Protein backbone atom coordinates (compact mmCIF):
# COMPACT_ATOMS: atom_id res chain seq x y z
CA MET A 1 0.07 0.12 -0.05
CA VAL A 2 1.47 3.21 -1.06
CA ASP A 3 2.22 5.85 1.52
CA ARG A 4 0.02 8.49 0.29
CA SER A 5 1.45 11.08 2.36
CA LYS A 6 5.01 10.78 0.72
CA HIS A 7 6.68 13.61 -1.21
CA ALA A 8 9.82 12.92 -3.05
CA SER A 9 12.12 14.28 -5.74
CA VAL A 10 12.04 11.31 -8.43
CA GLU A 11 14.30 10.59 -11.34
CA MET A 12 12.30 8.74 -14.10
CA SER A 13 13.50 6.91 -17.06
CA LEU A 14 11.49 5.71 -20.11
CA GLN A 15 13.29 3.12 -22.47
CA TRP A 16 11.94 2.15 -25.88
CA GLN A 17 13.04 0.58 -29.33
CA SER A 18 12.53 2.24 -32.71
CA ALA A 19 13.14 -0.03 -36.02
CA ASP A 20 17.03 0.40 -35.92
CA ALA A 21 17.69 2.05 -32.41
CA THR A 22 17.10 1.95 -28.73
CA HIS A 23 16.18 5.20 -27.10
CA CYS A 24 16.09 6.48 -23.37
CA GLU A 25 14.20 9.56 -22.05
CA ARG A 26 15.42 10.65 -18.50
CA GLN A 27 13.52 13.08 -16.60
CA PHE A 28 13.49 14.74 -13.23
CA PHE A 29 10.60 15.35 -11.08
CA GLU A 30 11.48 17.97 -8.38
CA ARG A 31 8.57 17.06 -5.98
CA VAL A 32 6.33 13.91 -6.73
CA ASN A 33 3.00 14.00 -4.54
CA PHE A 34 2.17 10.17 -4.10
CA TRP A 35 -1.31 11.16 -2.98
CA ARG A 36 -2.26 13.01 -6.15
CA ASP A 37 0.18 12.06 -8.92
CA VAL A 38 -0.52 9.23 -11.17
CA PHE A 39 1.86 6.35 -12.17
CA PRO A 40 1.16 3.58 -14.37
CA GLY A 41 0.70 -0.06 -13.28
CA ARG A 42 2.04 -0.82 -9.98
CA LEU A 43 5.13 1.66 -10.52
CA ALA A 44 4.07 3.78 -7.33
CA ASP A 45 3.88 0.87 -5.17
CA ARG A 46 7.15 -0.26 -6.35
CA LEU A 47 8.83 3.21 -5.60
CA ASP A 48 7.26 3.46 -2.36
CA ALA A 49 8.66 0.11 -1.10
CA ALA A 50 12.21 0.82 -2.72
CA ALA A 51 15.15 2.50 -0.88
CA PRO A 52 16.26 5.98 -2.06
CA GLY A 53 18.53 5.48 -4.89
CA GLU A 54 17.20 2.02 -5.81
CA TRP A 55 16.06 1.70 -9.44
CA VAL A 56 12.77 -0.08 -10.08
CA SER A 57 10.95 -0.40 -13.35
CA GLU A 58 7.70 -1.69 -15.14
CA ASP A 59 6.95 -2.59 -18.81
CA VAL A 60 4.34 -0.29 -20.21
CA SER A 61 2.19 -0.60 -23.11
CA ALA A 62 1.17 2.06 -25.66
CA GLU A 63 -2.10 1.78 -23.93
CA ASP A 64 -0.62 2.58 -20.57
CA LEU A 65 1.21 5.46 -21.91
CA LEU A 66 -1.98 6.81 -23.56
CA LEU A 67 -0.42 6.62 -26.87
CA GLU A 68 -2.49 4.23 -28.91
CA CYS A 69 -2.14 4.62 -32.69
CA ASN A 70 -5.49 5.78 -34.28
CA ALA A 71 -5.61 5.22 -38.10
CA GLY A 72 -7.96 7.91 -38.50
CA ASP A 73 -5.27 10.38 -37.41
CA VAL A 74 -3.58 10.07 -40.68
CA ARG A 75 -5.23 12.46 -42.88
CA GLN A 76 -4.97 13.74 -46.47
CA ILE A 77 -4.80 17.44 -46.90
CA ARG A 78 -4.06 19.69 -49.94
CA ARG A 79 -0.64 20.82 -50.30
CA GLU A 80 -1.91 24.76 -50.36
CA HIS A 81 -2.94 24.10 -46.63
CA PHE A 82 0.68 24.02 -45.43
CA ARG A 83 1.13 27.91 -44.88
CA PRO A 84 3.99 28.50 -42.41
CA ASP A 85 4.32 32.12 -43.87
CA LEU A 86 1.02 32.86 -41.76
CA ALA A 87 2.76 31.83 -38.53
CA LYS A 88 5.47 34.36 -39.43
CA VAL A 89 8.24 31.66 -40.14
CA MET A 90 9.75 32.11 -43.37
CA ASN A 91 11.53 29.77 -45.80
CA ILE A 92 10.34 26.53 -44.11
CA GLN A 93 9.57 24.13 -46.82
CA PRO A 94 7.59 20.83 -46.26
CA ARG A 95 9.97 17.64 -46.10
CA ILE A 96 8.83 13.94 -45.92
CA GLY A 97 9.57 12.58 -42.53
CA ARG A 98 9.70 15.91 -40.79
CA PHE A 99 7.54 16.92 -37.72
CA TYR A 100 5.93 20.57 -38.14
CA PRO A 101 3.75 22.39 -35.63
CA ARG A 102 -0.12 21.99 -36.38
CA HIS A 103 -0.63 25.83 -36.72
CA PHE A 104 1.33 25.54 -39.74
CA LEU A 105 -1.69 24.02 -41.34
CA HIS A 106 -4.51 26.51 -42.29
CA GLY A 107 -7.94 25.72 -43.36
CA VAL A 108 -8.01 22.14 -41.91
CA SER A 109 -11.05 21.30 -39.95
CA ASP A 110 -10.45 20.67 -36.17
CA LEU A 111 -7.04 22.39 -36.18
CA PHE A 112 -6.63 25.83 -34.23
CA SER A 113 -4.05 28.39 -35.01
CA SER A 114 -2.70 28.06 -31.39
CA ASP A 115 -2.07 24.25 -31.71
CA ARG A 116 1.64 23.66 -31.50
CA ARG A 117 1.72 20.10 -31.11
CA PRO A 118 3.64 18.24 -33.90
CA CYS A 119 2.52 16.43 -36.84
CA ARG A 120 4.40 14.28 -39.14
CA ILE A 121 4.49 14.49 -43.10
CA LEU A 122 4.37 10.97 -44.27
CA ASP A 123 4.01 11.52 -48.17
CA MET A 124 3.42 14.23 -50.44
CA ASP A 125 3.25 15.30 -54.10
CA ALA A 126 2.51 18.66 -55.77
CA GLN A 127 -1.24 18.64 -54.85
CA ALA A 128 -1.54 16.81 -51.47
CA MET A 129 0.34 15.91 -48.25
CA ARG A 130 -0.51 12.79 -45.97
CA ILE A 131 -0.05 13.81 -42.36
CA ASP A 132 0.21 11.91 -39.33
CA PHE A 133 -1.49 13.47 -36.19
CA ASN A 134 -0.81 10.62 -33.94
CA HIS A 135 1.75 11.24 -31.10
CA ALA A 136 5.19 10.36 -32.29
CA LEU A 137 5.33 7.48 -29.83
CA ALA A 138 1.89 6.07 -30.70
CA GLY A 139 1.99 2.45 -30.75
CA HIS A 140 5.20 2.06 -28.96
CA HIS A 141 5.83 0.27 -25.46
CA GLY A 142 8.66 0.22 -23.37
CA SER A 143 9.80 0.21 -19.88
CA LEU A 144 9.29 3.12 -17.45
CA GLY A 145 11.57 3.18 -14.43
CA GLY A 146 12.51 5.57 -11.50
CA LYS A 147 14.16 6.10 -8.23
CA ILE A 148 13.69 8.34 -5.44
CA VAL A 149 16.57 10.75 -5.09
CA GLU A 150 15.22 12.34 -1.84
CA ILE A 151 12.30 11.87 0.49
CA LEU A 152 11.02 15.51 0.88
CA GLU A 153 9.25 17.19 4.04
CA TYR A 154 5.56 16.71 3.98
CA LYS A 155 3.42 19.50 2.93
CA GLN A 156 -0.25 19.45 3.35
CA GLU A 157 -2.08 20.27 0.06
CA HIS A 158 -5.51 20.87 -0.80
CA GLY A 159 -6.47 20.51 -4.68
CA GLY A 160 -3.62 21.51 -7.09
CA ARG A 161 -2.39 19.82 -10.19
CA CYS A 162 -2.38 16.20 -10.85
CA ASN A 163 0.68 15.08 -12.81
CA ASP A 164 0.10 11.90 -14.79
CA ILE A 165 3.91 10.86 -14.94
CA ALA A 166 3.56 8.69 -17.99
CA GLN A 167 2.01 11.56 -19.97
CA GLU A 168 4.81 14.01 -18.42
CA MET A 169 7.63 11.46 -19.70
CA THR A 170 6.31 11.70 -23.24
CA GLN A 171 5.43 15.33 -23.66
CA ASN A 172 7.38 17.65 -26.14
CA GLY A 173 9.44 15.31 -28.30
CA PRO A 174 9.91 11.83 -27.22
CA GLY A 175 9.46 9.66 -30.62
CA MET A 176 10.23 12.19 -33.02
CA GLN A 177 14.07 10.97 -33.27
CA ALA A 178 12.66 7.76 -34.99
CA ARG A 179 12.29 7.66 -38.70
CA ILE A 180 9.38 6.48 -40.71
CA PRO A 181 9.80 2.76 -41.05
CA GLU A 182 11.85 1.78 -44.09
CA ARG A 183 12.05 5.31 -45.13
CA GLU A 184 14.64 8.17 -44.66
CA THR A 185 13.85 11.52 -43.47
CA ASP A 186 14.53 14.30 -46.07
CA PHE A 187 17.18 16.05 -44.04
CA PHE A 188 19.29 16.77 -46.98
CA SER A 189 17.54 18.98 -49.28
CA ASP A 190 18.49 22.57 -50.45
CA GLU A 191 20.16 24.94 -48.01
CA SER A 192 20.14 22.66 -45.08
CA PHE A 193 24.00 22.78 -44.56
CA GLN A 194 24.43 26.36 -45.20
CA ARG A 195 24.81 28.88 -42.42
CA MET A 196 24.38 32.64 -41.47
CA ASP A 197 28.34 33.44 -41.52
CA PRO A 198 29.81 31.59 -44.68
CA ARG A 199 33.36 33.12 -43.68
CA ASP A 200 36.30 30.49 -43.28
CA ASP A 201 36.11 28.95 -39.76
CA SER A 202 39.67 29.78 -38.96
CA GLU A 203 38.59 33.47 -38.52
CA PHE A 204 35.61 32.59 -36.13
CA TYR A 205 38.04 30.24 -34.13
CA GLN A 206 41.17 32.33 -34.18
CA GLN A 207 40.27 33.79 -30.58
CA ALA A 208 40.58 31.30 -27.73
CA ARG A 209 37.30 31.09 -25.75
CA LEU A 210 38.04 29.50 -22.27
CA VAL A 211 34.39 29.25 -21.31
CA GLN A 212 32.03 26.40 -20.19
CA HIS A 213 29.25 26.26 -22.78
CA LEU A 214 26.92 24.09 -20.57
CA ASP A 215 26.01 24.44 -16.69
CA THR A 216 27.70 22.22 -14.23
CA GLN A 217 24.77 19.81 -14.12
CA ALA A 218 24.58 19.20 -17.70
CA ILE A 219 28.23 18.81 -17.80
CA ALA A 220 27.99 16.07 -15.15
CA HIS A 221 25.51 14.41 -17.41
CA VAL A 222 27.74 14.28 -20.42
CA THR A 223 30.46 13.04 -18.27
CA GLU A 224 28.24 10.32 -17.09
CA ILE A 225 27.50 9.33 -20.61
CA TYR A 226 30.95 9.00 -21.68
CA ALA A 227 31.77 6.90 -18.58
CA ARG A 228 29.58 4.40 -20.01
CA PHE A 229 31.25 4.22 -23.33
CA VAL A 230 34.97 4.86 -22.56
CA GLN A 231 36.93 2.07 -20.89
CA PRO A 232 40.17 2.09 -19.18
CA GLY A 233 43.27 1.14 -21.10
CA THR A 234 41.92 2.57 -24.56
CA GLN A 235 42.81 5.04 -27.36
CA VAL A 236 40.10 8.10 -27.26
CA LEU A 237 39.69 10.88 -30.16
CA ASP A 238 37.94 13.84 -28.82
CA LEU A 239 36.52 15.10 -32.07
CA MET A 240 36.30 18.90 -32.26
CA SER A 241 37.88 19.52 -28.97
CA SER A 242 38.58 22.39 -26.87
CA TRP A 243 39.95 23.17 -23.50
CA VAL A 244 38.03 20.45 -21.67
CA SER A 245 37.08 17.06 -22.63
CA HIS A 246 34.41 16.39 -19.97
CA LEU A 247 35.71 12.68 -19.46
CA PRO A 248 35.56 11.21 -15.91
CA ALA A 249 38.07 12.47 -13.60
CA GLY A 250 38.79 8.88 -12.58
CA LEU A 251 39.22 7.38 -15.81
CA THR A 252 42.90 8.00 -16.12
CA GLU A 253 44.15 4.87 -17.83
CA ILE A 254 43.26 6.40 -21.47
CA GLU A 255 45.12 8.12 -24.06
CA VAL A 256 43.14 10.92 -25.45
CA THR A 257 43.91 12.62 -28.67
CA GLY A 258 42.38 16.09 -29.41
CA LEU A 259 41.26 17.54 -32.80
CA GLY A 260 40.24 21.14 -32.71
CA MET A 261 40.12 24.57 -34.23
CA ASN A 262 42.28 26.51 -31.72
CA ALA A 263 45.63 25.65 -30.53
CA GLU A 264 45.53 27.75 -27.18
CA GLU A 265 42.32 26.01 -26.27
CA LEU A 266 43.75 22.44 -26.87
CA ALA A 267 47.05 23.27 -25.12
CA GLN A 268 44.95 24.06 -21.99
CA ASN A 269 43.24 20.65 -21.90
CA SER A 270 44.86 18.49 -19.45
CA ARG A 271 43.18 15.48 -20.75
CA LEU A 272 44.88 15.29 -24.02
CA GLN A 273 48.15 13.48 -24.49
CA ARG A 274 48.31 14.99 -27.80
CA TYR A 275 46.52 17.45 -30.27
CA GLN A 276 46.33 18.63 -33.77
CA VAL A 277 44.63 21.81 -35.19
CA HIS A 278 42.30 20.62 -37.98
CA ASP A 279 39.30 22.27 -39.97
CA LEU A 280 36.96 19.49 -40.55
CA ASN A 281 34.78 21.98 -42.80
CA ARG A 282 37.53 22.50 -44.92
CA ASP A 283 38.79 19.25 -45.13
CA PRO A 284 36.81 16.23 -43.38
CA VAL A 285 39.61 13.62 -43.91
CA LEU A 286 40.93 12.77 -40.23
CA PRO A 287 44.66 12.66 -40.08
CA PHE A 288 44.80 9.34 -38.43
CA ALA A 289 45.49 5.79 -39.41
CA ASP A 290 42.74 3.21 -39.78
CA ASN A 291 41.64 1.27 -36.89
CA SER A 292 43.40 3.82 -34.49
CA PHE A 293 40.64 4.54 -31.80
CA ASP A 294 38.33 2.54 -29.29
CA SER A 295 36.30 5.77 -28.87
CA VAL A 296 35.52 8.85 -30.53
CA ILE A 297 33.37 11.55 -28.58
CA CYS A 298 32.14 14.81 -29.71
CA THR A 299 30.76 17.32 -27.44
CA VAL A 300 28.31 20.27 -28.33
CA SER A 301 29.92 20.42 -31.83
CA VAL A 302 27.95 18.32 -34.38
CA GLU A 303 25.55 21.20 -35.31
CA TYR A 304 28.71 22.93 -36.89
CA LEU A 305 29.41 20.29 -39.37
CA LEU A 306 28.93 21.30 -43.07
CA GLN A 307 30.05 17.67 -44.32
CA PRO A 308 28.64 15.68 -41.50
CA VAL A 309 28.22 12.38 -43.60
CA ALA A 310 31.99 12.62 -44.80
CA VAL A 311 33.02 13.27 -41.24
CA PHE A 312 31.04 10.23 -39.78
CA GLU A 313 32.60 8.03 -42.61
CA GLN A 314 36.05 9.09 -41.59
CA VAL A 315 35.09 8.55 -37.96
CA ARG A 316 34.03 4.90 -38.83
CA ARG A 317 37.85 4.32 -40.72
CA VAL A 318 39.65 5.44 -37.78
CA LEU A 319 37.64 3.56 -35.20
CA LYS A 320 38.62 -0.03 -34.29
CA PRO A 321 35.87 -2.74 -34.98
CA GLY A 322 33.27 -2.49 -32.42
CA GLY A 323 34.56 1.15 -31.30
CA ARG A 324 31.96 3.63 -30.43
CA PHE A 325 31.13 6.97 -31.68
CA VAL A 326 29.36 9.25 -28.97
CA LEU A 327 27.97 12.59 -29.57
CA THR A 328 26.38 14.88 -27.00
CA PHE A 329 24.83 18.44 -27.50
CA SER A 330 22.28 20.70 -25.90
CA ASP A 331 20.04 23.66 -26.94
CA ARG A 332 23.02 26.24 -27.17
CA TRP A 333 25.20 26.91 -29.99
CA PHE A 334 26.96 29.90 -31.81
CA PRO A 335 24.07 31.05 -34.29
CA THR A 336 26.21 32.13 -36.98
CA LYS A 337 28.10 29.21 -37.31
CA CYS A 338 25.40 26.68 -36.92
CA ILE A 339 23.88 25.10 -39.86
CA TYR A 340 20.50 26.36 -41.11
CA LEU A 341 18.77 22.85 -40.56
CA TRP A 342 19.75 22.63 -36.88
CA THR A 343 17.97 25.67 -35.90
CA GLU A 344 14.62 24.66 -37.83
CA LEU A 345 14.61 21.23 -36.18
CA HIS A 346 12.85 20.24 -32.66
CA PRO A 347 15.48 18.95 -30.24
CA PHE A 348 14.47 15.41 -30.49
CA GLU A 349 14.38 15.87 -34.22
CA ARG A 350 18.06 16.55 -34.10
CA MET A 351 18.75 13.44 -32.51
CA GLY A 352 17.12 11.90 -35.53
CA LEU A 353 19.34 13.92 -37.76
CA VAL A 354 22.43 12.82 -36.07
CA LEU A 355 20.96 8.99 -36.50
CA ALA A 356 20.45 9.64 -39.98
CA TYR A 357 24.32 10.64 -40.51
CA PHE A 358 25.14 7.39 -38.86
CA ARG A 359 22.96 5.58 -41.45
CA ALA A 360 24.08 7.58 -44.31
CA ALA A 361 27.78 6.77 -43.39
CA GLY A 362 27.28 3.16 -43.31
CA GLY A 363 29.08 0.43 -41.29
CA PHE A 364 27.55 1.54 -37.85
CA SER A 365 25.31 -0.68 -35.82
CA GLY A 366 24.06 -0.52 -32.21
CA LEU A 367 22.57 2.82 -32.76
CA GLY A 368 20.91 4.65 -29.63
CA SER A 369 19.93 8.04 -28.38
CA GLU A 370 19.12 9.54 -24.88
CA SER A 371 17.64 12.91 -23.76
CA ILE A 372 18.10 14.19 -20.14
CA ARG A 373 15.68 17.11 -19.19
CA TYR A 374 14.19 19.07 -16.47
CA TYR A 375 16.98 18.84 -13.84
CA PRO A 376 17.37 21.74 -11.54
CA ARG A 377 20.03 24.43 -12.54
CA PRO A 378 22.67 24.73 -10.01
CA GLU A 379 21.88 27.73 -7.70
CA ASP A 380 25.37 29.18 -8.38
CA ASP A 381 24.79 29.21 -12.01
CA PRO A 382 24.91 32.66 -13.60
CA HIS A 383 21.75 32.07 -15.51
CA ALA A 384 20.08 30.48 -12.42
CA GLN A 385 17.86 33.68 -12.06
CA ASP A 386 16.30 33.34 -15.79
CA ARG A 387 16.49 29.73 -16.11
CA ALA A 388 14.86 27.12 -13.52
CA PHE A 389 16.14 23.99 -15.38
CA SER A 390 19.60 22.82 -16.19
CA ASP A 391 20.62 22.68 -19.97
CA PRO A 392 18.99 19.51 -21.57
CA VAL A 393 21.39 17.19 -22.64
CA PHE A 394 21.04 14.94 -25.77
CA ALA A 395 23.15 12.09 -26.73
CA VAL A 396 23.42 9.81 -30.03
CA TRP A 397 25.70 6.99 -30.44
CA GLY A 398 26.69 4.10 -32.71
CA SER A 399 29.45 1.26 -33.01
CA LYS A 400 31.49 0.47 -35.92
CA ALA A 401 30.38 -2.78 -37.28
CA SER A 402 32.86 -5.67 -36.66
CA VAL A 403 34.74 -7.07 -39.35
CA ALA A 404 33.12 -10.46 -40.54
């Protein structure tokens, strides 16, 4: 029997599978009220019985997540109804497999101009579009788990908002990183890989920037992700490196090579045994021998690549068979140097884009993604007054296919 007086901060995790990748969505709940909030199945009972810090999980169906797939929510509309210009968004073109907010569609029955929920273009021609209005996770099942981080002081409450934990875990993005089965999303059309500032990158990166681009909570999450993939006694390439590598401090029995754009930044990086200045947008060929590294990491930089597939092909070449390529990013970047496409995509679609890079490069398996959201921002962070939550962290990875 659940202790209905219990209040706690809780970490939750939803794990699910798409056609060719595994996915994990992690979320922090600052205060869960076990009297008022709703958990699927017996998860509330299991959390109540677990000690703080102990993970428990429960298999959940699409029905448990309130995400049943409805065939009636796939609709045909006229091409002329796609009107992002009326939403004051210019130069947005419809692409197969991409998600767009519903308020981009005008003159369609049952849709409202204020509805920002995503819908997906399944197919189209010059006259019509086939649109999927189902939730991006509709029809999927998975495992929902959690752990109590801290038991909080009881506060008597009357009324208030009831949180449906499963619904909260699936809002605002999960599922959007998966492609339509057997069809690639159209990420590679037109001006996708152009940017606001087309000047040579050597000019932009000439000045060293010895600053952190994420808050300390987000950095801890990035480090924890790398700890799962980088093993002691291995060779690591820090791709698009800077003055820090975000590798675990206790992981000392590794040799790290840095490849970046600024010599001063690289020289400041105490984790690097060696480094080299190299502009991947000028020359995507990596200056390393085949099968040189056990792991390649790339932190908050993939959004700047102008030839990403060529770079991913090179990473596959320099990785040893079975070696992993792990990329992490957030929602902060240099706007003038970021590719146009990145700025158009929903954060979860960006994970889908990076997964598409892996598939286009070929020779990778074991694809996966992870999102980490809504953790509290450190109180001493300079942006704590205007940003309640830590910077979100998104990760995508793949392994070089072993030689047969």
